[in-house]
C-alpha atoms as a PDB file:
ATOM      1  CA  UNK A   1      15.041  28.719 -59.870  1.00  0.00           C
ATOM      2  CA  UNK A   2      11.722  28.872 -60.782  1.00  0.00           C
ATOM      3  CA  UNK A   3      10.764  26.888 -63.889  1.00  0.00           C
ATOM      4  CA  UNK A   4       8.637  30.139 -65.024  1.00  0.00           C
ATOM      5  CA  UNK A   5      12.774  31.874 -65.010  1.00  0.00           C
ATOM      6  CA  UNK A   6      14.211  29.181 -66.671  1.00  0.00           C
ATOM      7  CA  UNK A   7      11.864  28.904 -70.111  1.00  0.00           C
ATOM      8  CA  UNK A   8      11.604  32.844 -69.794  1.00  0.00           C
ATOM      9  CA  UNK A   9      16.321  32.843 -70.472  1.00  0.00           C
ATOM     10  CA  UNK A  10      15.394  30.399 -73.102  1.00  0.00           C
ATOM     11  CA  UNK A  11      12.145  31.011 -74.807  1.00  0.00           C
ATOM     12  CA  UNK A  12      14.825  35.055 -75.046  1.00  0.00           C
ATOM     13  CA  UNK A  13      11.176  36.365 -73.382  1.00  0.00           C
ATOM     14  CA  UNK A  14      11.609  40.251 -74.502  1.00  0.00           C
ATOM     15  CA  UNK A  15      11.454  41.740 -70.726  1.00  0.00           C
ATOM     16  CA  UNK A  16      14.121  39.832 -69.611  1.00  0.00           C
ATOM     17  CA  UNK A  17      16.252  43.315 -71.048  1.00  0.00           C
ATOM     18  CA  UNK A  18      14.782  45.104 -68.255  1.00  0.00           C
ATOM     19  CA  UNK A  19      17.690  42.912 -66.476  1.00  0.00           C
ATOM     20  CA  UNK A  20      21.166  44.054 -69.010  1.00  0.00           C
ATOM     21  CA  UNK A  21      22.180  46.710 -66.176  1.00  0.00           C
ATOM     22  CA  UNK A  22      22.503  43.743 -63.418  1.00  0.00           C
ATOM     23  CA  UNK A  23      23.579  41.179 -66.141  1.00  0.00           C
ATOM     24  CA  UNK A  24      26.204  43.819 -66.480  1.00  0.00           C
ATOM     25  CA  UNK A  25      27.314  44.373 -62.934  1.00  0.00           C
ATOM     26  CA  UNK A  26      27.522  40.220 -62.438  1.00  0.00           C
ATOM     27  CA  UNK A  27      29.888  40.118 -64.884  1.00  0.00           C
ATOM     28  CA  UNK A  28      31.984  42.910 -63.466  1.00  0.00           C
ATOM     29  CA  UNK A  29      31.965  41.365 -60.047  1.00  0.00           C
ATOM     30  CA  UNK A  30      32.802  37.899 -61.664  1.00  0.00           C
ATOM     31  CA  UNK A  31      35.815  38.880 -63.660  1.00  0.00           C
ATOM     32  CA  UNK A  32      36.859  40.682 -60.351  1.00  0.00           C
ATOM     33  CA  UNK A  33      36.607  37.906 -58.433  1.00  0.00           C
ATOM     34  CA  UNK A  34      38.946  35.622 -60.634  1.00  0.00           C
ATOM     35  CA  UNK A  35      41.109  38.029 -60.687  1.00  0.00           C
ATOM     36  CA  UNK A  36      41.373  38.090 -57.123  1.00  0.00           C
ATOM     37  CA  UNK A  37      42.104  34.780 -56.462  1.00  0.00           C
ATOM     38  CA  UNK A  38      45.433  33.431 -55.954  1.00  0.00           C
ATOM     39  CA  UNK A  39      46.196  30.467 -58.685  1.00  0.00           C
ATOM     40  CA  UNK A  40      45.067  27.449 -57.124  1.00  0.00           C
ATOM     41  CA  UNK A  41      47.290  24.321 -55.721  1.00  0.00           C
ATOM     42  CA  UNK A  42      48.774  21.390 -57.381  1.00  0.00           C
ATOM     43  CA  UNK A  43      46.066  19.033 -57.655  1.00  0.00           C
ATOM     44  CA  UNK A  44      47.398  16.121 -55.642  1.00  0.00           C
ATOM     45  CA  UNK A  45      46.324  13.392 -58.504  1.00  0.00           C
ATOM     46  CA  UNK A  46      45.255  14.025 -61.925  1.00  0.00           C
ATOM     47  CA  UNK A  47      41.495  16.062 -61.704  1.00  0.00           C
ATOM     48  CA  UNK A  48      38.757  16.471 -64.620  1.00  0.00           C
ATOM     49  CA  UNK A  49      36.299  19.190 -63.879  1.00  0.00           C
ATOM     50  CA  UNK A  50      32.743  18.350 -65.261  1.00  0.00           C
ATOM     51  CA  UNK A  51      30.893  21.648 -65.218  1.00  0.00           C
ATOM     52  CA  UNK A  52      28.959  23.601 -67.407  1.00  0.00           C
ATOM     53  CA  UNK A  53      28.108  27.477 -67.605  1.00  0.00           C
ATOM     54  CA  UNK A  54      24.690  27.164 -67.980  1.00  0.00           C
ATOM     55  CA  UNK A  55      21.434  27.269 -65.230  1.00  0.00           C
ATOM     56  CA  UNK A  56      18.749  25.093 -66.045  1.00  0.00           C
ATOM     57  CA  UNK A  57      20.179  21.458 -65.775  1.00  0.00           C
ATOM     58  CA  UNK A  58      22.623  19.595 -68.419  1.00  0.00           C
ATOM     59  CA  UNK A  59      22.855  15.732 -67.349  1.00  0.00           C
ATOM     60  CA  UNK A  60      26.413  16.489 -65.506  1.00  0.00           C
ATOM     61  CA  UNK A  61      25.730  13.650 -63.111  1.00  0.00           C
ATOM     62  CA  UNK A  62      24.519  10.925 -66.025  1.00  0.00           C
ATOM     63  CA  UNK A  63      27.770  11.814 -67.786  1.00  0.00           C
ATOM     64  CA  UNK A  64      30.106  11.035 -64.243  1.00  0.00           C
ATOM     65  CA  UNK A  65      28.237   7.763 -63.284  1.00  0.00           C
ATOM     66  CA  UNK A  66      29.015   7.343 -67.234  1.00  0.00           C
ATOM     67  CA  UNK A  67      32.462   8.034 -67.172  1.00  0.00           C
ATOM     68  CA  UNK A  68      33.019   6.334 -64.375  1.00  0.00           C
ATOM     69  CA  UNK A  69      32.021   3.000 -65.698  1.00  0.00           C
ATOM     70  CA  UNK A  70      34.006   3.495 -68.559  1.00  0.00           C
ATOM     71  CA  UNK A  71      36.929   3.921 -66.406  1.00  0.00           C
ATOM     72  CA  UNK A  72      36.747   1.104 -64.651  1.00  0.00           C
ATOM     73  CA  UNK A  73      36.184  -1.368 -67.429  1.00  0.00           C
ATOM     74  CA  UNK A  74      39.762  -0.176 -68.576  1.00  0.00           C
ATOM     75  CA  UNK A  75      41.599  -0.389 -64.827  1.00  0.00           C
ATOM     76  CA  UNK A  76      41.487   3.260 -63.786  1.00  0.00           C
ATOM     77  CA  UNK A  77      40.172   3.440 -60.571  1.00  0.00           C
ATOM     78  CA  UNK A  78      38.451   7.102 -60.048  1.00  0.00           C
ATOM     79  CA  UNK A  79      37.591   9.332 -56.617  1.00  0.00           C
ATOM     80  CA  UNK A  80      34.530  12.307 -57.017  1.00  0.00           C
ATOM     81  CA  UNK A  81      34.297  15.181 -55.175  1.00  0.00           C
ATOM     82  CA  UNK A  82      31.050  17.078 -55.059  1.00  0.00           C
ATOM     83  CA  UNK A  83      30.166  20.338 -53.412  1.00  0.00           C
ATOM     84  CA  UNK A  84      26.639  18.731 -52.350  1.00  0.00           C
ATOM     85  CA  UNK A  85      24.484  21.042 -53.612  1.00  0.00           C
ATOM     86  CA  UNK A  86      21.400  20.841 -51.725  1.00  0.00           C
ATOM     87  CA  UNK A  87      22.680  18.769 -48.922  1.00  0.00           C
ATOM     88  CA  UNK A  88      23.923  20.578 -45.227  1.00  0.00           C
ATOM     89  CA  UNK A  89      27.725  19.011 -45.354  1.00  0.00           C
ATOM     90  CA  UNK A  90      28.959  22.600 -45.403  1.00  0.00           C
ATOM     91  CA  UNK A  91      32.623  22.675 -45.698  1.00  0.00           C
ATOM     92  CA  UNK A  92      33.458  18.966 -45.366  1.00  0.00           C
ATOM     93  CA  UNK A  93      35.019  17.193 -46.699  1.00  0.00           C
ATOM     94  CA  UNK A  94      32.355  13.763 -45.701  1.00  0.00           C
ATOM     95  CA  UNK A  95      32.352  11.350 -47.344  1.00  0.00           C
ATOM     96  CA  UNK A  96      29.170   9.586 -48.416  1.00  0.00           C
ATOM     97  CA  UNK A  97      28.004   6.460 -47.896  1.00  0.00           C
ATOM     98  CA  UNK A  98      24.108   4.778 -48.597  1.00  0.00           C
ATOM     99  CA  UNK A  99      23.547   5.299 -44.965  1.00  0.00           C
ATOM    100  CA  UNK A 100      23.647   9.335 -45.812  1.00  0.00           C
ATOM    101  CA  UNK A 101      20.478  10.910 -46.773  1.00  0.00           C
ATOM    102  CA  UNK A 102      19.823  13.639 -49.265  1.00  0.00           C
ATOM    103  CA  UNK A 103      19.274  16.261 -46.819  1.00  0.00           C
ATOM    104  CA  UNK A 104      22.741  16.049 -45.904  1.00  0.00           C
ATOM    105  CA  UNK A 105      25.036  14.931 -48.930  1.00  0.00           C
ATOM    106  CA  UNK A 106      22.747  15.733 -51.342  1.00  0.00           C
ATOM    107  CA  UNK A 107      20.985  14.204 -54.028  1.00  0.00           C
ATOM    108  CA  UNK A 108      23.618  13.914 -56.670  1.00  0.00           C
ATOM    109  CA  UNK A 109      26.630  12.627 -54.194  1.00  0.00           C
ATOM    110  CA  UNK A 110      24.431  10.015 -52.758  1.00  0.00           C
ATOM    111  CA  UNK A 111      23.089   8.763 -55.941  1.00  0.00           C
ATOM    112  CA  UNK A 112      26.287   8.665 -57.492  1.00  0.00           C
ATOM    113  CA  UNK A 113      27.781   6.867 -54.404  1.00  0.00           C
ATOM    114  CA  UNK A 114      24.378   3.868 -54.973  1.00  0.00           C
ATOM    115  CA  UNK A 115      24.989   3.846 -58.631  1.00  0.00           C
ATOM    116  CA  UNK A 116      29.786   3.568 -58.376  1.00  0.00           C
ATOM    117  CA  UNK A 117      31.402   1.708 -57.180  1.00  0.00           C
ATOM    118  CA  UNK A 118      33.447   5.048 -56.452  1.00  0.00           C
ATOM    119  CA  UNK A 119      34.664   6.622 -53.415  1.00  0.00           C
ATOM    120  CA  UNK A 120      32.547   9.933 -53.334  1.00  0.00           C
ATOM    121  CA  UNK A 121      33.614  12.890 -50.889  1.00  0.00           C
ATOM    122  CA  UNK A 122      31.358  16.120 -50.511  1.00  0.00           C
ATOM    123  CA  UNK A 123      32.178  19.448 -49.305  1.00  0.00           C
ATOM    124  CA  UNK A 124      32.051  22.986 -50.424  1.00  0.00           C
ATOM    125  CA  UNK A 125      36.510  23.615 -49.967  1.00  0.00           C
ATOM    126  CA  UNK A 126      37.371  20.795 -52.849  1.00  0.00           C
ATOM    127  CA  UNK A 127      40.805  20.562 -51.704  1.00  0.00           C
ATOM    128  CA  UNK A 128      40.253  19.179 -48.380  1.00  0.00           C
ATOM    129  CA  UNK A 129      37.850  16.887 -50.378  1.00  0.00           C
ATOM    130  CA  UNK A 130      40.798  15.931 -52.892  1.00  0.00           C
ATOM    131  CA  UNK A 131      43.046  15.271 -49.902  1.00  0.00           C
ATOM    132  CA  UNK A 132      40.557  13.120 -47.968  1.00  0.00           C
ATOM    133  CA  UNK A 133      40.332  10.753 -51.191  1.00  0.00           C
ATOM    134  CA  UNK A 134      44.083  10.555 -51.968  1.00  0.00           C
ATOM    135  CA  UNK A 135      44.725   9.535 -48.355  1.00  0.00           C
ATOM    136  CA  UNK A 136      41.822   6.944 -47.884  1.00  0.00           C
ATOM    137  CA  UNK A 137      41.793   5.307 -51.686  1.00  0.00           C
ATOM    138  CA  UNK A 138      43.702   4.421 -54.271  1.00  0.00           C
ATOM    139  CA  UNK A 139      43.166   6.080 -57.359  1.00  0.00           C
ATOM    140  CA  UNK A 140      44.302   7.700 -60.084  1.00  0.00           C
ATOM    141  CA  UNK A 141      42.235   9.808 -61.318  1.00  0.00           C
ATOM    142  CA  UNK A 142      39.984  12.967 -59.624  1.00  0.00           C
ATOM    143  CA  UNK A 143      36.975  13.668 -61.019  1.00  0.00           C
ATOM    144  CA  UNK A 144      34.943  17.174 -59.591  1.00  0.00           C
ATOM    145  CA  UNK A 145      30.948  16.755 -60.486  1.00  0.00           C
ATOM    146  CA  UNK A 146      30.570  20.039 -61.042  1.00  0.00           C
ATOM    147  CA  UNK A 147      32.952  23.019 -60.524  1.00  0.00           C
ATOM    148  CA  UNK A 148      34.159  24.803 -63.761  1.00  0.00           C
ATOM    149  CA  UNK A 149      33.275  28.397 -61.399  1.00  0.00           C
ATOM    150  CA  UNK A 150      35.494  27.093 -57.952  1.00  0.00           C
ATOM    151  CA  UNK A 151      38.030  29.466 -57.851  1.00  0.00           C
ATOM    152  CA  UNK A 152      39.869  27.207 -55.976  1.00  0.00           C
ATOM    153  CA  UNK A 153      40.779  24.523 -57.758  1.00  0.00           C
ATOM    154  CA  UNK A 154      41.447  24.018 -62.018  1.00  0.00           C
ATOM    155  CA  UNK A 155      41.031  20.521 -63.612  1.00  0.00           C
ATOM    156  CA  UNK A 156      44.318  19.847 -65.583  1.00  0.00           C
ATOM    157  CA  UNK A 157      40.825  18.665 -68.053  1.00  0.00           C
ATOM    158  CA  UNK A 158      37.675  20.218 -68.354  1.00  0.00           C
ATOM    159  CA  UNK A 159      34.634  19.138 -69.787  1.00  0.00           C
ATOM    160  CA  UNK A 160      31.807  21.801 -70.768  1.00  0.00           C
ATOM    161  CA  UNK A 161      28.369  20.239 -70.868  1.00  0.00           C
ATOM    162  CA  UNK A 162      25.414  21.964 -72.865  1.00  0.00           C
ATOM    163  CA  UNK A 163      21.693  20.742 -73.743  1.00  0.00           C
ATOM    164  CA  UNK A 164      21.149  20.124 -76.609  1.00  0.00           C
ATOM    165  CA  UNK A 165      17.347  20.707 -77.169  1.00  0.00           C
ATOM    166  CA  UNK A 166      18.145  24.562 -75.305  1.00  0.00           C
ATOM    167  CA  UNK A 167      22.008  25.638 -76.015  1.00  0.00           C
ATOM    168  CA  UNK A 168      22.541  28.537 -74.083  1.00  0.00           C
ATOM    169  CA  UNK A 169      19.973  29.871 -74.286  1.00  0.00           C
ATOM    170  CA  UNK A 170      19.705  33.734 -75.175  1.00  0.00           C
ATOM    171  CA  UNK A 171      23.043  34.060 -74.080  1.00  0.00           C
ATOM    172  CA  UNK A 172      23.523  36.042 -71.738  1.00  0.00           C
ATOM    173  CA  UNK A 173      25.042  36.388 -67.960  1.00  0.00           C
ATOM    174  CA  UNK A 174      22.675  36.125 -64.705  1.00  0.00           C
ATOM    175  CA  UNK A 175      20.000  37.592 -64.071  1.00  0.00           C
ATOM    176  CA  UNK A 176      19.135  38.450 -68.028  1.00  0.00           C
ATOM    177  CA  UNK A 177      20.112  34.703 -69.314  1.00  0.00           C
ATOM    178  CA  UNK A 178      21.329  31.155 -67.409  1.00  0.00           C
ATOM    179  CA  UNK A 179      24.888  32.088 -67.752  1.00  0.00           C
ATOM    180  CA  UNK A 180      27.338  31.897 -65.186  1.00  0.00           C
ATOM    181  CA  UNK A 181      30.442  32.868 -67.727  1.00  0.00           C
ATOM    182  CA  UNK A 182      30.338  34.283 -70.563  1.00  0.00           C
ATOM    183  CA  UNK A 183      29.732  31.890 -73.344  1.00  0.00           C
ATOM    184  CA  UNK A 184      33.591  32.535 -74.421  1.00  0.00           C
ATOM    185  CA  UNK A 185      34.491  30.032 -71.973  1.00  0.00           C
ATOM    186  CA  UNK A 186      33.512  27.260 -74.639  1.00  0.00           C
ATOM    187  CA  UNK A 187      37.358  27.949 -76.414  1.00  0.00           C
ATOM    188  CA  UNK A 188      38.947  27.583 -72.992  1.00  0.00           C
ATOM    189  CA  UNK A 189      37.727  24.064 -72.280  1.00  0.00           C
ATOM    190  CA  UNK A 190      39.079  20.908 -73.599  1.00  0.00           C
ATOM    191  CA  UNK A 191      35.684  18.984 -74.809  1.00  0.00           C
ATOM    192  CA  UNK A 192      32.143  20.030 -75.198  1.00  0.00           C
ATOM    193  CA  UNK A 193      29.827  17.349 -74.552  1.00  0.00           C
ATOM    194  CA  UNK A 194      26.164  18.295 -75.338  1.00  0.00           C
ATOM    195  CA  UNK A 195      23.892  16.234 -74.433  1.00  0.00           C
ATOM    196  CA  UNK A 196      21.154  15.043 -76.843  1.00  0.00           C
ATOM    197  CA  UNK A 197      21.384  16.077 -80.715  1.00  0.00           C
ATOM    198  CA  UNK A 198      22.044  19.689 -81.313  1.00  0.00           C
ATOM    199  CA  UNK A 199      19.147  21.391 -82.810  1.00  0.00           C
ATOM    200  CA  UNK A 200      19.272  24.021 -84.998  1.00  0.00           C
ATOM    201  CA  UNK A 201      17.754  26.645 -82.925  1.00  0.00           C
ATOM    202  CA  UNK A 202      20.531  25.457 -80.262  1.00  0.00           C
ATOM    203  CA  UNK A 203      23.289  25.722 -82.448  1.00  0.00           C
ATOM    204  CA  UNK A 204      22.843  28.892 -83.193  1.00  0.00           C
ATOM    205  CA  UNK A 205      23.493  30.051 -79.568  1.00  0.00           C
ATOM    206  CA  UNK A 206      27.042  28.591 -79.352  1.00  0.00           C
ATOM    207  CA  UNK A 207      29.949  30.389 -81.211  1.00  0.00           C
ATOM    208  CA  UNK A 208      32.057  29.466 -83.507  1.00  0.00           C
ATOM    209  CA  UNK A 209      34.590  27.314 -81.557  1.00  0.00           C
ATOM    210  CA  UNK A 210      38.040  24.675 -82.496  1.00  0.00           C
ATOM    211  CA  UNK A 211      36.811  23.018 -79.073  1.00  0.00           C
ATOM    212  CA  UNK A 212      36.112  19.072 -79.717  1.00  0.00           C
ATOM    213  CA  UNK A 213      32.460  18.157 -79.512  1.00  0.00           C
ATOM    214  CA  UNK A 214      30.768  15.647 -79.470  1.00  0.00           C
ATOM    215  CA  UNK A 215      27.002  14.234 -79.359  1.00  0.00           C
ATOM    216  CA  UNK A 216      25.736  11.708 -76.431  1.00  0.00           C
ATOM    217  CA  UNK A 217      22.656   9.865 -76.834  1.00  0.00           C
ATOM    218  CA  UNK A 218      21.603   9.498 -73.305  1.00  0.00           C
ATOM    219  CA  UNK A 219      17.891   6.560 -72.644  1.00  0.00           C
ATOM    220  CA  UNK A 220      16.044   5.351 -70.554  1.00  0.00           C
ATOM    221  CA  UNK A 221      16.746   1.869 -69.616  1.00  0.00           C
ATOM    222  CA  UNK A 222      16.000  -0.102 -66.747  1.00  0.00           C
ATOM    223  CA  UNK A 223      12.457   0.475 -64.271  1.00  0.00           C
ATOM    224  CA  UNK A 224      12.329   0.117 -60.369  1.00  0.00           C
ATOM    225  CA  UNK A 225      10.259   0.049 -57.846  1.00  0.00           C
ATOM    226  CA  UNK A 226      10.616   3.159 -55.330  1.00  0.00           C
ATOM    227  CA  UNK A 227      10.777   1.124 -52.204  1.00  0.00           C
ATOM    228  CA  UNK A 228      12.949  -2.145 -53.395  1.00  0.00           C
ATOM    229  CA  UNK A 229      14.649  -1.665 -56.100  1.00  0.00           C
ATOM    230  CA  UNK A 230      12.731  -4.243 -57.570  1.00  0.00           C
ATOM    231  CA  UNK A 231      12.814  -4.349 -61.807  1.00  0.00           C
ATOM    232  CA  UNK A 232       9.566  -4.182 -63.260  1.00  0.00           C
ATOM    233  CA  UNK A 233       8.511  -3.981 -66.581  1.00  0.00           C
ATOM    234  CA  UNK A 234       7.622  -0.720 -68.830  1.00  0.00           C
ATOM    235  CA  UNK A 235       3.668  -0.051 -68.754  1.00  0.00           C
ATOM    236  CA  UNK A 236       2.379  -0.765 -72.021  1.00  0.00           C
ATOM    237  CA  UNK A 237       2.452   2.115 -74.824  1.00  0.00           C
ATOM    238  CA  UNK A 238      -0.806   4.002 -74.511  1.00  0.00           C
ATOM    239  CA  UNK A 239      -0.846   3.827 -71.121  1.00  0.00           C
ATOM    240  CA  UNK A 240      -1.320   7.109 -68.872  1.00  0.00           C
ATOM    241  CA  UNK A 241       0.408   7.879 -66.297  1.00  0.00           C
ATOM    242  CA  UNK A 242       2.299  10.201 -63.683  1.00  0.00           C
ATOM    243  CA  UNK A 243       5.640  11.887 -63.468  1.00  0.00           C
ATOM    244  CA  UNK A 244       7.486  13.882 -61.323  1.00  0.00           C
ATOM    245  CA  UNK A 245      10.619  15.892 -61.835  1.00  0.00           C
ATOM    246  CA  UNK A 246      12.624  17.448 -59.282  1.00  0.00           C
ATOM    247  CA  UNK A 247      15.455  18.282 -61.612  1.00  0.00           C
ATOM    248  CA  UNK A 248      17.072  20.975 -64.007  1.00  0.00           C
ATOM    249  CA  UNK A 249      15.125  19.943 -67.293  1.00  0.00           C
ATOM    250  CA  UNK A 250      11.839  18.551 -65.956  1.00  0.00           C
ATOM    251  CA  UNK A 251       9.980  18.391 -69.482  1.00  0.00           C
ATOM    252  CA  UNK A 252      12.950  16.723 -71.350  1.00  0.00           C
ATOM    253  CA  UNK A 253      12.456  13.482 -68.521  1.00  0.00           C
ATOM    254  CA  UNK A 254       8.837  13.467 -69.033  1.00  0.00           C
ATOM    255  CA  UNK A 255       9.663  13.691 -72.726  1.00  0.00           C
ATOM    256  CA  UNK A 256      12.162  11.387 -72.773  1.00  0.00           C
ATOM    257  CA  UNK A 257       9.023   8.731 -71.269  1.00  0.00           C
ATOM    258  CA  UNK A 258       6.338   9.784 -73.594  1.00  0.00           C
ATOM    259  CA  UNK A 259       8.860   8.433 -76.514  1.00  0.00           C
ATOM    260  CA  UNK A 260       8.844   4.781 -74.511  1.00  0.00           C
ATOM    261  CA  UNK A 261       4.545   5.774 -76.169  1.00  0.00           C
ATOM    262  CA  UNK A 262       3.365   6.642 -72.615  1.00  0.00           C
ATOM    263  CA  UNK A 263       0.734   9.180 -71.877  1.00  0.00           C
ATOM    264  CA  UNK A 264       1.734  10.970 -69.610  1.00  0.00           C
ATOM    265  CA  UNK A 265       0.823  14.027 -66.986  1.00  0.00           C
ATOM    266  CA  UNK A 266       4.079  15.792 -65.757  1.00  0.00           C
ATOM    267  CA  UNK A 267       4.359  17.463 -62.332  1.00  0.00           C
ATOM    268  CA  UNK A 268       7.741  19.868 -62.412  1.00  0.00           C
ATOM    269  CA  UNK A 269       9.980  20.746 -58.842  1.00  0.00           C
ATOM    270  CA  UNK A 270      12.255  22.666 -58.802  1.00  0.00           C
ATOM    271  CA  UNK A 271      16.067  21.620 -58.618  1.00  0.00           C
ATOM    272  CA  UNK A 272      16.856  19.664 -55.635  1.00  0.00           C
ATOM    273  CA  UNK A 273      13.462  20.023 -54.776  1.00  0.00           C
ATOM    274  CA  UNK A 274      13.153  18.373 -50.917  1.00  0.00           C
ATOM    275  CA  UNK A 275       9.993  15.842 -50.996  1.00  0.00           C
ATOM    276  CA  UNK A 276       7.261  15.771 -48.182  1.00  0.00           C
ATOM    277  CA  UNK A 277       4.862  13.512 -47.630  1.00  0.00           C
ATOM    278  CA  UNK A 278       1.872  15.821 -49.048  1.00  0.00           C
ATOM    279  CA  UNK A 279       4.551  16.631 -52.469  1.00  0.00           C
ATOM    280  CA  UNK A 280       3.539  12.760 -53.091  1.00  0.00           C
ATOM    281  CA  UNK A 281       0.114  12.519 -51.710  1.00  0.00           C
ATOM    282  CA  UNK A 282      -1.582  13.255 -54.890  1.00  0.00           C
ATOM    283  CA  UNK A 283       0.131  10.129 -56.354  1.00  0.00           C
ATOM    284  CA  UNK A 284      -1.627   7.264 -53.638  1.00  0.00           C
ATOM    285  CA  UNK A 285      -3.020   4.452 -55.858  1.00  0.00           C
ATOM    286  CA  UNK A 286      -1.178   5.885 -59.346  1.00  0.00           C
ATOM    287  CA  UNK A 287       1.685   4.804 -61.258  1.00  0.00           C
ATOM    288  CA  UNK A 288       4.054   7.183 -60.416  1.00  0.00           C
ATOM    289  CA  UNK A 289       7.534   7.669 -62.281  1.00  0.00           C
ATOM    290  CA  UNK A 290      10.235   9.650 -61.092  1.00  0.00           C
ATOM    291  CA  UNK A 291      13.858   9.653 -61.979  1.00  0.00           C
ATOM    292  CA  UNK A 292      17.049   8.164 -60.086  1.00  0.00           C
ATOM    293  CA  UNK A 293      17.992  11.411 -58.872  1.00  0.00           C
ATOM    294  CA  UNK A 294      14.360  12.111 -57.256  1.00  0.00           C
ATOM    295  CA  UNK A 295      14.133   8.153 -56.421  1.00  0.00           C
ATOM    296  CA  UNK A 296      16.856   9.126 -53.594  1.00  0.00           C
ATOM    297  CA  UNK A 297      14.734  11.395 -51.635  1.00  0.00           C
ATOM    298  CA  UNK A 298      11.472   9.846 -51.714  1.00  0.00           C
ATOM    299  CA  UNK A 299      12.179   6.453 -50.713  1.00  0.00           C
ATOM    300  CA  UNK A 300      11.862   7.167 -47.388  1.00  0.00           C
ATOM    301  CA  UNK A 301       8.519   8.238 -47.785  1.00  0.00           C
ATOM    302  CA  UNK A 302       7.658   5.135 -49.845  1.00  0.00           C
ATOM    303  CA  UNK A 303       6.150   1.699 -47.810  1.00  0.00           C
ATOM    304  CA  UNK A 304       5.144  -1.790 -49.324  1.00  0.00           C
ATOM    305  CA  UNK A 305       2.041  -0.665 -50.188  1.00  0.00           C
ATOM    306  CA  UNK A 306       3.927   1.949 -53.156  1.00  0.00           C
ATOM    307  CA  UNK A 307       4.027  -0.835 -55.266  1.00  0.00           C
ATOM    308  CA  UNK A 308       3.062   1.408 -58.498  1.00  0.00           C
ATOM    309  CA  UNK A 309       5.803   4.030 -57.695  1.00  0.00           C
ATOM    310  CA  UNK A 310       8.254   3.199 -59.865  1.00  0.00           C
ATOM    311  CA  UNK A 311      11.779   5.562 -61.149  1.00  0.00           C
ATOM    312  CA  UNK A 312      13.987   4.867 -64.208  1.00  0.00           C
ATOM    313  CA  UNK A 313      17.731   4.913 -64.717  1.00  0.00           C
ATOM    314  CA  UNK A 314      19.331   6.764 -67.806  1.00  0.00           C
ATOM    315  CA  UNK A 315      21.655   4.624 -69.694  1.00  0.00           C
ATOM    316  CA  UNK A 316      24.732   6.382 -71.580  1.00  0.00           C
ATOM    317  CA  UNK A 317      27.743   5.717 -73.161  1.00  0.00           C
ATOM    318  CA  UNK A 318      30.156   7.988 -73.764  1.00  0.00           C
ATOM    319  CA  UNK A 319      32.651   8.144 -77.523  1.00  0.00           C
ATOM    320  CA  UNK A 320      35.663   6.361 -76.901  1.00  0.00           C
ATOM    321  CA  UNK A 321      37.266   9.418 -78.489  1.00  0.00           C
ATOM    322  CA  UNK A 322      36.896  11.540 -75.661  1.00  0.00           C
ATOM    323  CA  UNK A 323      38.017   8.977 -73.465  1.00  0.00           C
ATOM    324  CA  UNK A 324      41.225   8.699 -75.522  1.00  0.00           C
ATOM    325  CA  UNK A 325      41.319  12.165 -75.497  1.00  0.00           C
ATOM    326  CA  UNK A 326      41.243  12.214 -71.587  1.00  0.00           C
ATOM    327  CA  UNK A 327      43.588   9.495 -71.032  1.00  0.00           C
ATOM    328  CA  UNK A 328      46.163  10.770 -73.016  1.00  0.00           C
ATOM    329  CA  UNK A 329      46.075  14.887 -71.955  1.00  0.00           C
ATOM    330  CA  UNK A 330      45.954  13.283 -68.219  1.00  0.00           C
ATOM    331  CA  UNK A 331      49.144  10.634 -69.071  1.00  0.00           C
ATOM    332  CA  UNK A 332      46.765   7.844 -67.613  1.00  0.00           C
ATOM    333  CA  UNK A 333      47.395   3.619 -67.755  1.00  0.00           C
ATOM    334  CA  UNK A 334      44.735   1.335 -67.593  1.00  0.00           C
ATOM    335  CA  UNK A 335      47.353  -1.314 -67.057  1.00  0.00           C
ATOM    336  CA  UNK A 336      49.252   0.226 -63.647  1.00  0.00           C
ATOM    337  CA  UNK A 337      48.890  -2.061 -60.905  1.00  0.00           C
ATOM    338  CA  UNK A 338      47.314  -1.340 -57.911  1.00  0.00           C
ATOM    339  CA  UNK A 339      47.959  -1.743 -53.579  1.00  0.00           C
ATOM    340  CA  UNK A 340      45.849  -2.706 -51.352  1.00  0.00           C
END
């Protein structure tokens, strides 16, 4: 999806009203699809679906990363399933390893494999992905990175993520607006998580709901070299740097870098962009900072000569209250003894 279209959705451009009939048609088709779908099979283990209803990036992957780390500290073993968007696995299932590349398995699943110790399986057939995880690993919980709109699975617990700075945009469904489902979906999930503090303007786009809502505070942490993952110091305040981002909301990444006191010249790419040499050529011999998600695609294009190409990881700590609510809903106990 082009950044121009995304900006129009979140700035409520007037010309989007010409697309209103298509949005009505989209909602009708979506409703018919859901009505025609048989009840999903029972999940082999408790399943948490972490998803959203809006296009444009809401930070699902950092939330899954943080959740896995926090659950593991409590002795709870996690397995992750993902469609593998942007990859070529297809139906799958395929167990992701660090030997895979992003073109095959997708950038987000590869990042999750490299940044957590949880097994990750990709494929459009998520029932098969869950089956593979349960057969090969001793787990307590399955986590679906995205999947709220997948009619073949149903989470035993569902988290819906919203960008706290942009909310739900103009509140309309595709293609007039950014929503994949009507915003009434917020009433049906177990928790709403806003990534970044909810602004007054964003709050006006949300319906009043009794669903528990939690505010997250993502922040940039370690800065590392792309080609060898070595830690480096942040540039001094006032330094000029280039930045690139092939994520759902590149501007948020550039703004986060600016909070570090940097003067940022940002270059935005579409989400899941497949980087090529020519994309990076303009940044030779310059200080370039990218996201950890982009790093998994760009590392093969770098060498020891690219000392000033860096990436930064995002830190996030989920509130203990949302973790406790999850464990209670799924009847999970971190004191369980594992075999194997």
